[in-house]
Every structure is written in C-alpha cells, then in structure tokens.
C-alpha atoms as a PDB file:
ATOM      1  CA  MET A   1      -0.183  -0.043   0.088  1.00  0.00           C
ATOM      2  CA  SER A   2       1.288   3.258  -1.062  1.00  0.00           C
ATOM      3  CA  SER A   3       1.687   6.048   1.687  1.00  0.00           C
ATOM      4  CA  LYS A   4      -0.905   8.519  -0.826  1.00  0.00           C
ATOM      5  CA  GLU A   5      -3.575   5.428  -0.090  1.00  0.00           C
ATOM      6  CA  LEU A   6      -2.559   5.125   3.466  1.00  0.00           C
ATOM      7  CA  GLU A   7      -3.243   8.818   4.131  1.00  0.00           C
ATOM      8  CA  ASP A   8      -6.446   8.762   2.257  1.00  0.00           C
ATOM      9  CA  LYS A   9      -7.537   5.792   4.519  1.00  0.00           C
ATOM     10  CA  PHE A  10      -6.617   8.009   7.604  1.00  0.00           C
ATOM     11  CA  SER A  11      -8.439  10.953   6.193  1.00  0.00           C
ATOM     12  CA  VAL A  12     -11.972   9.225   5.613  1.00  0.00           C
ATOM     13  CA  LEU A  13     -11.315   7.746   9.632  1.00  0.00           C
ATOM     14  CA  GLN A  14     -10.994  11.462  10.716  1.00  0.00           C
ATOM     15  CA  VAL A  15      -8.802  10.083  13.685  1.00  0.00           C
ATOM     16  CA  GLY A  16      -8.719  12.404  16.706  1.00  0.00           C
ATOM     17  CA  LYS A  17     -11.331  14.791  15.248  1.00  0.00           C
ATOM     18  CA  GLU A  18     -14.404  15.817  17.186  1.00  0.00           C
ATOM     19  CA  PRO A  19     -17.898  13.942  15.950  1.00  0.00           C
ATOM     20  CA  GLU A  20     -19.787  16.384  13.864  1.00  0.00           C
ATOM     21  CA  SER A  21     -23.402  16.481  12.734  1.00  0.00           C
ATOM     22  CA  THR A  22     -25.127  18.321  10.285  1.00  0.00           C
ATOM     23  CA  GLY A  23     -28.093  20.882  11.594  1.00  0.00           C
ATOM     24  CA  GLU A  24     -31.050  21.939   9.721  1.00  0.00           C
ATOM     25  CA  ASN A  25     -29.936  24.649   7.766  1.00  0.00           C
ATOM     26  CA  GLY A  26     -26.587  22.674   6.765  1.00  0.00           C
ATOM     27  CA  GLU A  27     -24.470  24.051   9.373  1.00  0.00           C
ATOM     28  CA  LYS A  28     -21.969  21.668  11.278  1.00  0.00           C
ATOM     29  CA  ASN A  29     -22.512  21.155  14.882  1.00  0.00           C
ATOM     30  CA  ILE A  30     -19.969  19.555  17.228  1.00  0.00           C
ATOM     31  CA  LEU A  31     -21.426  16.823  19.167  1.00  0.00           C
ATOM     32  CA  GLU A  32     -21.116  16.680  22.865  1.00  0.00           C
ATOM     33  CA  THR A  33     -19.471  13.749  24.307  1.00  0.00           C
ATOM     34  CA  GLU A  34     -19.511  12.383  27.827  1.00  0.00           C
ATOM     35  CA  VAL A  35     -15.794  11.846  28.130  1.00  0.00           C
ATOM     36  CA  SER A  36     -15.648  10.954  31.790  1.00  0.00           C
ATOM     37  CA  GLU A  37     -18.711   8.316  31.631  1.00  0.00           C
ATOM     38  CA  SER A  38     -17.571   6.505  28.287  1.00  0.00           C
ATOM     39  CA  ALA A  39     -13.361   6.995  27.950  1.00  0.00           C
ATOM     40  CA  VAL A  40     -10.953   4.563  29.547  1.00  0.00           C
ATOM     41  CA  GLN A  41      -8.922   6.261  32.030  1.00  0.00           C
ATOM     42  CA  VAL A  42      -5.350   5.064  32.963  1.00  0.00           C
ATOM     43  CA  SER A  43      -3.420   6.058  35.799  1.00  0.00           C
ATOM     44  CA  CYS A  44       0.050   4.648  36.825  1.00  0.00           C
ATOM     45  CA  PHE A  45       2.343   5.436  39.818  1.00  0.00           C
ATOM     46  CA  THR A  46       5.005   3.975  41.920  1.00  0.00           C
ATOM     47  CA  GLU A  47       5.493   4.122  45.534  1.00  0.00           C
ATOM     48  CA  ASP A  48       8.616   3.188  47.455  1.00  0.00           C
ATOM     49  CA  LEU A  49       7.342   1.413  50.521  1.00  0.00           C
ATOM     50  CA  HIS A  50       9.649  -0.312  53.318  1.00  0.00           C
ATOM     51  CA  ASP A  51      12.673  -0.375  50.708  1.00  0.00           C
ATOM     52  CA  VAL A  52      10.805  -2.202  48.331  1.00  0.00           C
ATOM     53  CA  MET A  53       9.425  -0.451  44.722  1.00  0.00           C
ATOM     54  CA  ILE A  54       5.493  -0.968  44.484  1.00  0.00           C
ATOM     55  CA  ARG A  55       4.038  -0.370  40.730  1.00  0.00           C
ATOM     56  CA  PHE A  56       0.414   0.345  40.506  1.00  0.00           C
ATOM     57  CA  GLN A  57      -1.626   0.610  37.263  1.00  0.00           C
ATOM     58  CA  ILE A  58      -5.209   1.563  37.310  1.00  0.00           C
ATOM     59  CA  ILE A  59      -7.545   1.220  34.389  1.00  0.00           C
ATOM     60  CA  ARG A  60     -11.116   2.847  35.075  1.00  0.00           C
ATOM     61  CA  PHE A  61     -13.815   1.522  32.420  1.00  0.00           C
ATOM     62  CA  GLN A  62     -17.419   2.643  32.607  1.00  0.00           C
ATOM     63  CA  LYS A  63     -18.714   0.026  35.302  1.00  0.00           C
ATOM     64  CA  GLN A  64     -15.280  -1.636  35.977  1.00  0.00           C
ATOM     65  CA  ILE A  65     -11.887  -1.060  37.324  1.00  0.00           C
ATOM     66  CA  TYR A  66      -8.838  -2.967  36.766  1.00  0.00           C
ATOM     67  CA  VAL A  67      -5.869  -2.598  38.887  1.00  0.00           C
ATOM     68  CA  TRP A  68      -2.356  -4.208  38.830  1.00  0.00           C
ATOM     69  CA  ILE A  69      -0.012  -4.347  41.872  1.00  0.00           C
ATOM     70  CA  GLY A  70       3.476  -5.198  41.321  1.00  0.00           C
ATOM     71  CA  CYS A  71       5.976  -5.894  43.680  1.00  0.00           C
ATOM     72  CA  ASN A  72       9.828  -5.214  42.540  1.00  0.00           C
ATOM     73  CA  THR A  73       8.932  -6.802  39.215  1.00  0.00           C
ATOM     74  CA  THR A  74       6.616  -6.123  36.245  1.00  0.00           C
ATOM     75  CA  LYS A  75       4.926  -9.863  36.397  1.00  0.00           C
ATOM     76  CA  LEU A  76       1.394 -10.031  36.408  1.00  0.00           C
ATOM     77  CA  GLY A  77       0.810 -12.283  39.471  1.00  0.00           C
ATOM     78  CA  GLN A  78      -2.540 -13.844  40.780  1.00  0.00           C
ATOM     79  CA  LEU A  79      -5.509 -12.461  38.918  1.00  0.00           C
ATOM     80  CA  TYR A  80      -9.032 -11.966  40.687  1.00  0.00           C
ATOM     81  CA  ALA A  81     -12.415 -10.741  39.827  1.00  0.00           C
ATOM     82  CA  ALA A  82     -14.638  -9.334  42.496  1.00  0.00           C
ATOM     83  CA  ALA A  83     -18.445  -8.272  42.016  1.00  0.00           C
ATOM     84  CA  SER A  84     -21.142  -7.514  44.121  1.00  0.00           C
ATOM     85  CA  THR A  85     -23.946 -10.105  44.253  1.00  0.00           C
ATOM     86  CA  ARG A  86     -27.569 -10.037  44.649  1.00  0.00           C
ATOM     87  CA  PRO A  87     -29.811 -10.154  46.808  1.00  0.00           C
ATOM     88  CA  ASN A  88     -27.524  -9.091  49.961  1.00  0.00           C
ATOM     89  CA  ASN A  89     -24.950  -6.869  47.994  1.00  0.00           C
ATOM     90  CA  MET A  90     -22.364  -9.366  49.325  1.00  0.00           C
ATOM     91  CA  VAL A  91     -19.089  -9.395  47.186  1.00  0.00           C
ATOM     92  CA  SER A  92     -17.840 -12.683  45.473  1.00  0.00           C
ATOM     93  CA  VAL A  93     -14.280 -13.441  44.537  1.00  0.00           C
ATOM     94  CA  THR A  94     -12.732 -15.757  42.092  1.00  0.00           C
ATOM     95  CA  SER A  95      -9.101 -16.428  41.331  1.00  0.00           C
ATOM     96  CA  ILE A  96      -9.071 -16.149  37.213  1.00  0.00           C
ATOM     97  CA  LEU A  97      -5.363 -16.834  37.168  1.00  0.00           C
ATOM     98  CA  GLY A  98      -2.639 -18.237  39.535  1.00  0.00           C
ATOM     99  CA  GLY A  99      -4.296 -21.063  41.262  1.00  0.00           C
ATOM    100  CA  THR A 100      -6.480 -20.957  44.472  1.00  0.00           C
ATOM    101  CA  CYS A 101      -7.332 -17.774  46.150  1.00  0.00           C
ATOM    102  CA  ASP A 102      -4.993 -16.425  48.906  1.00  0.00           C
ATOM    103  CA  ASN A 103      -5.830 -13.702  51.249  1.00  0.00           C
ATOM    104  CA  THR A 104      -3.170 -11.358  49.717  1.00  0.00           C
ATOM    105  CA  GLY A 105      -5.397 -10.448  46.578  1.00  0.00           C
ATOM    106  CA  SER A 106      -8.749 -11.529  47.065  1.00  0.00           C
ATOM    107  CA  SER A 107      -9.033  -9.539  50.204  1.00  0.00           C
ATOM    108  CA  ILE A 108      -7.997  -6.552  48.380  1.00  0.00           C
ATOM    109  CA  ALA A 109     -10.391  -7.373  45.608  1.00  0.00           C
ATOM    110  CA  ARG A 110     -13.231  -7.639  48.100  1.00  0.00           C
ATOM    111  CA  ARG A 111     -12.577  -4.293  50.050  1.00  0.00           C
ATOM    112  CA  LEU A 112     -12.384  -2.556  46.671  1.00  0.00           C
ATOM    113  CA  VAL A 113     -15.811  -3.609  45.424  1.00  0.00           C
ATOM    114  CA  LEU A 114     -16.815  -2.510  48.662  1.00  0.00           C
ATOM    115  CA  LYS A 115     -15.508   1.148  48.536  1.00  0.00           C
ATOM    116  CA  THR A 116     -15.965   1.529  44.771  1.00  0.00           C
ATOM    117  CA  GLY A 117     -19.479  -0.118  44.218  1.00  0.00           C
ATOM    118  CA  LEU A 118     -17.773  -1.255  40.752  1.00  0.00           C
ATOM    119  CA  ASN A 119     -16.556  -4.676  39.554  1.00  0.00           C
ATOM    120  CA  ILE A 120     -12.851  -5.217  40.218  1.00  0.00           C
ATOM    121  CA  VAL A 121     -10.092  -7.273  38.211  1.00  0.00           C
ATOM    122  CA  LEU A 122      -6.997  -7.218  40.391  1.00  0.00           C
ATOM    123  CA  ALA A 123      -3.594  -8.802  39.334  1.00  0.00           C
ATOM    124  CA  CYS A 124      -1.721  -8.534  42.569  1.00  0.00           C
ATOM    125  CA  ASN A 125       2.130  -9.678  42.556  1.00  0.00           C
ATOM    126  CA  ILE A 126       2.969  -9.037  46.353  1.00  0.00           C
ATOM    127  CA  PRO A 127       4.604 -11.701  48.319  1.00  0.00           C
ATOM    128  CA  LYS A 128       2.149 -13.830  50.639  1.00  0.00           C
ATOM    129  CA  GLU A 129       4.782 -13.405  53.486  1.00  0.00           C
ATOM    130  CA  SER A 130       4.726  -9.531  53.628  1.00  0.00           C
ATOM    131  CA  PRO A 131       1.086  -8.659  55.259  1.00  0.00           C
ATOM    132  CA  MET A 132       2.705  -4.973  56.247  1.00  0.00           C
ATOM    133  CA  LEU A 133       3.622  -4.474  52.655  1.00  0.00           C
ATOM    134  CA  GLU A 134       0.118  -5.727  51.626  1.00  0.00           C
ATOM    135  CA  ALA A 135      -1.202  -3.339  53.989  1.00  0.00           C
ATOM    136  CA  GLU A 136       0.792  -0.214  53.123  1.00  0.00           C
ATOM    137  CA  ALA A 137      -0.048  -0.701  49.346  1.00  0.00           C
ATOM    138  CA  GLU A 138      -3.560  -1.329  49.897  1.00  0.00           C
ATOM    139  CA  ARG A 139      -3.553   2.095  51.711  1.00  0.00           C
ATOM    140  CA  LYS A 140      -1.773   3.645  48.868  1.00  0.00           C
ATOM    141  CA  LEU A 141      -4.049   2.339  46.290  1.00  0.00           C
ATOM    142  CA  MET A 142      -7.021   3.479  48.050  1.00  0.00           C
ATOM    143  CA  GLU A 143      -5.571   6.952  48.577  1.00  0.00           C
ATOM    144  CA  LYS A 144      -4.874   7.117  44.726  1.00  0.00           C
ATOM    145  CA  LEU A 145      -8.342   6.055  43.966  1.00  0.00           C
ATOM    146  CA  THR A 146      -9.937   8.411  46.570  1.00  0.00           C
ATOM    147  CA  SER A 147      -7.924  11.319  44.680  1.00  0.00           C
ATOM    148  CA  LEU A 148      -9.175  10.113  41.260  1.00  0.00           C
ATOM    149  CA  GLY A 149     -12.818  10.104  42.817  1.00  0.00           C
ATOM    150  CA  TYR A 150     -13.411   6.386  42.014  1.00  0.00           C
ATOM    151  CA  ILE A 151     -14.334   5.707  45.936  1.00  0.00           C
ATOM    152  CA  LYS A 152     -17.846   6.209  46.443  1.00  0.00           C
ATOM    153  CA  PRO A 153     -18.745   8.462  49.457  1.00  0.00           C
ATOM    154  CA  ARG A 154     -20.378   6.903  52.447  1.00  0.00           C
ATOM    155  CA  ASN A 155     -24.113   7.371  53.127  1.00  0.00           C
END
C-alpha cells in the first residue's frame, strides 16, 4: 500500500477529530460527548514502601476498574475478579489466574468492590509473607482511588 493510499484511508477515518453532525440549515455542529462516562482512564504510579518498589496501574472503564499491583517486578501475578452479588449485595471473589485464592489479593479485591461499588479485576504480585507490605500497598491504592474520585462517598 502506498503512502498516498494510507493517507487517504486515515483522512476517511478522521482520527482524533470531534464527531460532527449537520443541523437543519446545513451548518456543522460538534456533538458533545461524555468523556468521563465513556472514556477509558489510565493511571500509573510507583511508591517506595519499606525499601520495596511497588508499581500500580489503574484502568477505569465505565462500570469496572482493573488494578495491577506489582512488587519489584512487572510480572502479572495472581488475577482476581470481584463483584457485588444479589440479593444481599455481598461480594464474590474468584481467582482467574494463578491457582487458588489466597488472602493477599482476594481481600484487596473484596474491599475495593465495597469501597467503589464497581466490579474489580485485580492482578496482584505481592509476596504472601509480607502482610505489612500488603497493607501499605492497599492504603496507597485507596489514597489514589480517592484522589481520582473512584471511591463512592459513605451514606
């Protein structure tokens, strides 16, 4: 494919342009979009906790949050899914990758659902033998989620 053909295809796609509509008199109107409701929001940060580098990635979808917590490495770790279940609004957590549920990631995922009211997918790579590190990482994560406005206010 030549560069001219590629350029023509991109011009048809209108990549990066605001969506437009035509009014009754033929004038162009820019459609308003709800960026905060429909857009994916990504936030990454790093914390040094007790001489251990903890990395965080938060991806906010419309009705779900994906969180990755990595300890001294960029490996995925165990992957959990947590959601509120009916009729009593209890939280169910399951391990998707990494074998059986352990308390390290599943408890964080459960508390995230309770605090945010959203479905949570959590990848956690924190050593099982470090409960203080887990508590500090969860505290930093909650601080960030609060600053981003993802934690629902208490009634």
